[in-house]
Amino acid sequence: MKTELYNDNFQNFKRYGIPKAQLVIADIPYNIGNNFYGSNPMWYKGGDNKNGESKLAGKAAFNTDFNFNIAEYFHFCNRLLKKEPEKSNGRGKSSDAPCMIVFCSFEQIQTVIKYAEKYGFKHYIPLIFCKNYSPQVLKANMRVCGATEYALVLYREKLPKFRNDGHMVFNWFEWKRDSTKEYPKIHPAQKPVSLLKRLIEIFTDEGDVVIDPCAGSGTTLRACMELNRNSYGFEISKEFYRRSKEEMLNYSDNQMSIADYPGIMP
């Protein structure tokens, strides 16, 4: 399986000669700028307001959170995906059509639907992810705190490839944090590898191609590595790119066998 991460904008995908994807999955910037840590304990030193503000106070998490162009994003994602098959796989059988999964804020959902339709993605399935915690701890006594994340499955005409052995899949998923012993924490908006694996398993088969145009910490690519999917990612931040390559994607599940050392065989 191929795993490639490029320190480049996804608009430049043609220069790399990558194949078209069965699934394009990404977490787009939420366009909240300097308010990214607004109700997060990281605003303060050591997470305690008694210690004063930290260097993250009033700062954005990344530059693209100011100027992300969603129209441009969908234009290129449409080109990154495979074409729909002309024929179905028969009545009652899942198609082989591709799809996109876009993580977004609740406030962005209608905007995402509007731009997706403009670029050919006429249909959508909303997804909700439920946490047992909230990062908005600083406002616990002031309002109802958010403990959910949102995404949309977007597709053109045919329902996308769906692989769940005939079992029902709910439109909500449990969001469990990754163990930092198993997966490094690299990006402030990092999605759990276990959650990404679940989505990738549902909408792709082994050997399929998955592309993440906003790769961030590289968790999508790591999930694909563990599931035997080919994956390609783009990340414009040099620091996130470096850490993703060195920490998240420096992984192998190959088990050494005594057959690898014929010199010690009896």
Protein backbone atom coordinates (compact mmCIF):
# COMPACT_ATOMS: atom_id res chain seq x y z
CA MET A 1 0.00 0.00 0.00
CA LYS A 2 1.17 3.54 -0.76
CA THR A 3 1.22 6.31 1.83
CA GLU A 4 2.33 9.73 0.59
CA LEU A 5 2.24 13.09 2.37
CA TYR A 6 3.13 16.25 0.44
CA ASN A 7 4.17 19.60 1.92
CA ASP A 8 2.07 21.42 -0.64
CA ASN A 9 -1.39 22.79 -1.40
CA PHE A 10 -3.90 20.22 -2.71
CA GLN A 11 -4.42 22.48 -5.73
CA ASN A 12 -1.07 21.22 -7.02
CA PHE A 13 -2.13 17.56 -7.01
CA LYS A 14 -1.46 17.10 -10.74
CA ARG A 15 2.30 17.44 -10.33
CA TYR A 16 2.38 14.26 -8.21
CA GLY A 17 0.49 11.94 -10.56
CA ILE A 18 -1.67 10.47 -7.82
CA PRO A 19 -4.66 8.26 -8.69
CA LYS A 20 -8.24 9.42 -8.27
CA ALA A 21 -9.80 8.60 -4.89
CA GLN A 22 -12.66 6.43 -3.73
CA LEU A 23 -12.94 8.66 -0.67
CA VAL A 24 -11.84 12.24 -0.02
CA ILE A 25 -11.97 12.99 3.69
CA ALA A 26 -10.91 16.18 5.43
CA ASP A 27 -11.47 18.47 8.36
CA ILE A 28 -11.85 21.94 6.88
CA PRO A 29 -10.82 25.02 8.90
CA TYR A 30 -13.68 26.41 10.99
CA ASN A 31 -12.84 30.07 10.23
CA ILE A 32 -12.90 31.12 13.89
CA GLY A 33 -9.53 32.87 13.73
CA ASN A 34 -8.26 34.28 17.03
CA ASN A 35 -11.11 32.67 18.98
CA PHE A 36 -9.85 29.11 18.47
CA TYR A 37 -8.91 28.70 22.16
CA GLY A 38 -11.70 30.98 23.40
CA SER A 39 -13.25 28.54 25.88
CA ASN A 40 -10.38 26.09 26.12
CA PRO A 41 -8.21 25.84 29.25
CA MET A 42 -5.15 26.12 26.99
CA TRP A 43 -5.90 29.86 26.91
CA TYR A 44 -4.24 29.96 30.37
CA LYS A 45 -0.87 28.72 31.57
CA GLY A 46 -1.25 25.16 32.80
CA GLY A 47 -4.97 25.35 32.05
CA ASP A 48 -5.64 27.48 35.15
CA ASN A 49 -6.76 31.11 34.90
CA LYS A 50 -4.95 31.85 38.16
CA ASN A 51 -1.68 31.47 36.25
CA GLY A 52 -2.48 34.15 33.68
CA GLU A 53 -2.82 33.88 29.92
CA SER A 54 -0.65 31.51 27.92
CA LYS A 55 0.99 32.22 24.56
CA LEU A 56 -2.13 30.76 22.91
CA ALA A 57 -4.45 33.46 24.27
CA GLY A 58 -6.04 35.38 21.40
CA LYS A 59 -4.20 33.29 18.81
CA ALA A 60 -5.42 31.27 15.86
CA ALA A 61 -4.55 27.60 15.65
CA PHE A 62 -3.30 27.86 12.06
CA ASN A 63 -3.14 30.49 9.31
CA THR A 64 -5.76 28.89 7.06
CA ASP A 65 -8.38 29.50 9.73
CA PHE A 66 -8.55 33.09 8.47
CA ASN A 67 -8.74 32.66 4.72
CA PHE A 68 -9.91 29.16 3.79
CA ASN A 69 -11.67 29.26 0.40
CA ILE A 70 -14.46 26.67 0.48
CA ALA A 71 -15.44 27.17 -3.18
CA GLU A 72 -11.88 26.46 -4.26
CA TYR A 73 -11.82 23.44 -1.98
CA PHE A 74 -14.85 21.79 -3.59
CA HIS A 75 -13.65 22.61 -7.09
CA PHE A 76 -10.47 20.63 -6.53
CA CYS A 77 -12.01 17.84 -4.46
CA ASN A 78 -14.41 17.16 -7.31
CA ARG A 79 -11.36 16.59 -9.51
CA LEU A 80 -9.63 14.41 -6.92
CA LEU A 81 -12.50 11.89 -6.79
CA LYS A 82 -13.12 9.02 -9.17
CA LYS A 83 -15.97 9.26 -11.65
CA GLU A 84 -19.16 7.46 -10.79
CA PRO A 85 -19.58 4.02 -12.37
CA GLU A 86 -22.05 3.98 -15.25
CA LYS A 87 -23.79 0.83 -14.02
CA SER A 88 -24.96 -0.17 -10.58
CA ASN A 89 -24.00 -3.46 -8.94
CA GLY A 90 -27.58 -4.69 -9.07
CA ARG A 91 -30.68 -4.30 -6.99
CA GLY A 92 -29.99 -4.42 -3.25
CA LYS A 93 -26.22 -4.22 -3.72
CA SER A 94 -24.01 -1.33 -2.72
CA SER A 95 -22.59 0.72 -5.58
CA ASP A 96 -18.90 1.46 -6.14
CA ALA A 97 -19.53 5.21 -6.33
CA PRO A 98 -17.07 7.51 -4.51
CA CYS A 99 -17.91 10.13 -1.88
CA MET A 100 -16.51 12.89 0.29
CA ILE A 101 -16.62 13.27 4.07
CA VAL A 102 -16.25 16.84 5.30
CA PHE A 103 -15.85 17.60 9.01
CA CYS A 104 -17.16 21.08 9.77
CA SER A 105 -18.67 23.19 12.51
CA PHE A 106 -22.44 23.18 13.02
CA GLU A 107 -22.59 26.76 11.72
CA GLN A 108 -20.83 25.72 8.49
CA ILE A 109 -23.20 22.89 7.55
CA GLN A 110 -25.54 24.90 5.31
CA THR A 111 -22.62 26.64 3.62
CA VAL A 112 -20.95 23.30 2.93
CA ILE A 113 -24.19 21.88 1.48
CA LYS A 114 -24.61 24.93 -0.78
CA TYR A 115 -21.08 24.83 -2.21
CA ALA A 116 -21.06 21.04 -2.50
CA GLU A 117 -24.19 21.16 -4.66
CA LYS A 118 -22.64 23.83 -6.87
CA TYR A 119 -19.76 21.48 -7.62
CA GLY A 120 -21.84 18.38 -8.33
CA PHE A 121 -22.41 16.85 -4.89
CA LYS A 122 -26.21 16.95 -4.90
CA HIS A 123 -26.81 14.62 -1.97
CA TYR A 124 -25.64 14.46 1.62
CA ILE A 125 -25.89 12.42 4.81
CA PRO A 126 -25.31 14.34 8.06
CA LEU A 127 -23.15 12.68 10.73
CA ILE A 128 -22.89 13.53 14.41
CA PHE A 129 -20.04 12.51 16.72
CA CYS A 130 -20.74 12.37 20.46
CA LYS A 131 -18.02 13.00 23.06
CA ASN A 132 -18.05 12.27 26.78
CA TYR A 133 -16.10 15.48 27.40
CA SER A 134 -16.06 19.10 26.23
CA PRO A 135 -13.12 21.42 25.58
CA GLN A 136 -15.34 24.35 26.61
CA VAL A 137 -14.65 23.84 30.31
CA LEU A 138 -14.05 27.54 30.97
CA LYS A 139 -17.72 28.25 30.21
CA ALA A 140 -19.23 25.37 32.18
CA ASN A 141 -21.12 27.75 34.49
CA MET A 142 -22.13 30.14 31.73
CA ARG A 143 -23.84 28.10 29.00
CA VAL A 144 -24.58 24.68 27.55
CA CYS A 145 -21.19 23.37 26.42
CA GLY A 146 -20.56 21.70 23.10
CA ALA A 147 -19.66 18.01 23.23
CA THR A 148 -20.38 17.07 19.62
CA GLU A 149 -18.65 17.27 16.26
CA TYR A 150 -20.27 17.27 12.83
CA ALA A 151 -19.59 16.02 9.32
CA LEU A 152 -21.36 15.53 6.01
CA VAL A 153 -21.09 12.58 3.66
CA LEU A 154 -21.40 14.15 0.19
CA TYR A 155 -22.07 12.28 -3.04
CA ARG A 156 -23.12 13.00 -6.61
CA GLU A 157 -25.95 10.82 -7.95
CA LYS A 158 -25.46 7.22 -6.82
CA LEU A 159 -25.28 6.22 -3.18
CA PRO A 160 -21.61 5.67 -2.33
CA LYS A 161 -19.84 2.41 -1.67
CA PHE A 162 -21.06 1.09 1.65
CA ARG A 163 -19.39 -1.80 3.45
CA ASN A 164 -20.91 -2.98 6.70
CA ASP A 165 -21.86 -6.62 6.03
CA GLY A 166 -25.55 -5.83 5.88
CA HIS A 167 -25.65 -4.27 9.35
CA MET A 168 -27.27 -0.94 10.17
CA VAL A 169 -25.05 2.09 10.65
CA PHE A 170 -26.42 4.96 12.73
CA ASN A 171 -25.83 8.57 11.75
CA TRP A 172 -24.02 9.17 15.04
CA PHE A 173 -20.70 7.78 16.23
CA GLU A 174 -18.97 7.71 19.59
CA TRP A 175 -15.93 9.98 19.69
CA LYS A 176 -13.17 8.46 21.82
CA ARG A 177 -9.86 10.18 22.32
CA ASP A 178 -6.79 8.33 21.10
CA SER A 179 -4.24 7.11 23.59
CA THR A 180 -1.21 9.42 23.43
CA LYS A 181 0.97 6.35 23.97
CA GLU A 182 -0.23 4.94 20.65
CA TYR A 183 -0.79 8.11 18.61
CA PRO A 184 1.11 11.40 19.12
CA LYS A 185 -0.82 14.64 19.66
CA ILE A 186 0.34 16.93 16.87
CA HIS A 187 -2.52 19.17 15.74
CA PRO A 188 -4.98 21.21 17.90
CA ALA A 189 -7.93 19.97 15.80
CA GLN A 190 -6.68 16.38 15.49
CA LYS A 191 -9.32 13.71 14.83
CA PRO A 192 -9.05 10.28 16.53
CA VAL A 193 -7.46 7.58 14.39
CA SER A 194 -9.99 5.04 15.70
CA LEU A 195 -12.88 7.18 14.46
CA LEU A 196 -11.30 7.74 11.05
CA LYS A 197 -10.68 4.01 10.72
CA ARG A 198 -14.37 3.34 11.31
CA LEU A 199 -15.42 5.76 8.56
CA ILE A 200 -12.79 4.50 6.12
CA GLU A 201 -13.86 0.89 6.70
CA ILE A 202 -17.48 1.76 5.88
CA PHE A 203 -16.88 3.69 2.66
CA THR A 204 -13.88 1.89 1.12
CA ASP A 205 -12.39 -1.54 0.51
CA GLU A 206 -8.80 -2.66 1.04
CA GLY A 207 -6.61 -1.30 -1.75
CA ASP A 208 -8.84 1.71 -2.43
CA VAL A 209 -7.42 5.23 -2.59
CA VAL A 210 -8.18 7.79 0.14
CA ILE A 211 -7.08 11.44 -0.14
CA ASP A 212 -6.94 14.02 2.67
CA PRO A 213 -6.49 17.53 1.16
CA CYS A 214 -5.92 19.12 4.62
CA ALA A 215 -3.87 16.37 6.27
CA GLY A 216 -2.79 18.22 9.43
CA SER A 217 -1.38 15.62 11.83
CA GLY A 218 -1.60 12.79 9.28
CA THR A 219 -4.21 10.79 11.21
CA THR A 220 -6.18 9.94 8.06
CA LEU A 221 -3.06 8.53 6.43
CA ARG A 222 -2.17 6.60 9.58
CA ALA A 223 -5.67 5.08 9.68
CA CYS A 224 -5.27 4.04 6.03
CA MET A 225 -1.89 2.46 6.74
CA GLU A 226 -3.46 0.30 9.42
CA LEU A 227 -6.37 -0.67 7.13
CA ASN A 228 -4.39 -1.43 3.94
CA ARG A 229 -5.73 1.52 1.96
CA ASN A 230 -3.59 3.66 -0.35
CA SER A 231 -3.52 7.21 0.95
CA TYR A 232 -2.30 10.62 -0.14
CA GLY A 233 -2.33 13.82 1.90
CA PHE A 234 -1.49 17.50 1.46
CA GLU A 235 -0.35 19.78 4.28
CA ILE A 236 0.91 23.32 3.71
CA SER A 237 2.37 23.85 7.20
CA LYS A 238 6.02 22.80 7.26
CA GLU A 239 5.86 22.08 11.00
CA PHE A 240 2.74 19.89 10.85
CA TYR A 241 4.20 18.15 7.78
CA ARG A 242 7.50 17.44 9.55
CA ARG A 243 5.88 16.11 12.72
CA SER A 244 3.40 14.02 10.77
CA LYS A 245 6.21 12.35 8.82
CA GLU A 246 8.43 11.82 11.85
CA GLU A 247 5.86 10.88 14.49
CA MET A 248 2.50 9.83 13.05
CA LEU A 249 3.56 8.07 9.85
CA ASN A 250 6.78 6.50 11.11
CA TYR A 251 4.87 3.29 11.67
CA SER A 252 5.05 -0.35 10.66
CA ASP A 253 2.96 -3.31 11.75
CA ASN A 254 5.30 -5.86 10.20
CA GLN A 255 6.11 -8.67 12.62
CA MET A 256 9.62 -10.13 12.48
CA SER A 257 9.76 -13.86 11.94
CA ILE A 258 12.57 -16.35 12.56
CA ALA A 259 12.34 -17.05 8.83
CA ASP A 260 13.80 -13.57 8.31
CA TYR A 261 17.07 -14.85 9.78
CA PRO A 262 17.99 -17.99 7.82
CA GLY A 263 21.50 -18.00 9.31
CA ILE A 264 20.16 -19.13 12.68
CA MET A 265 17.80 -21.79 11.35
CA PRO A 266 18.80 -25.36 12.40
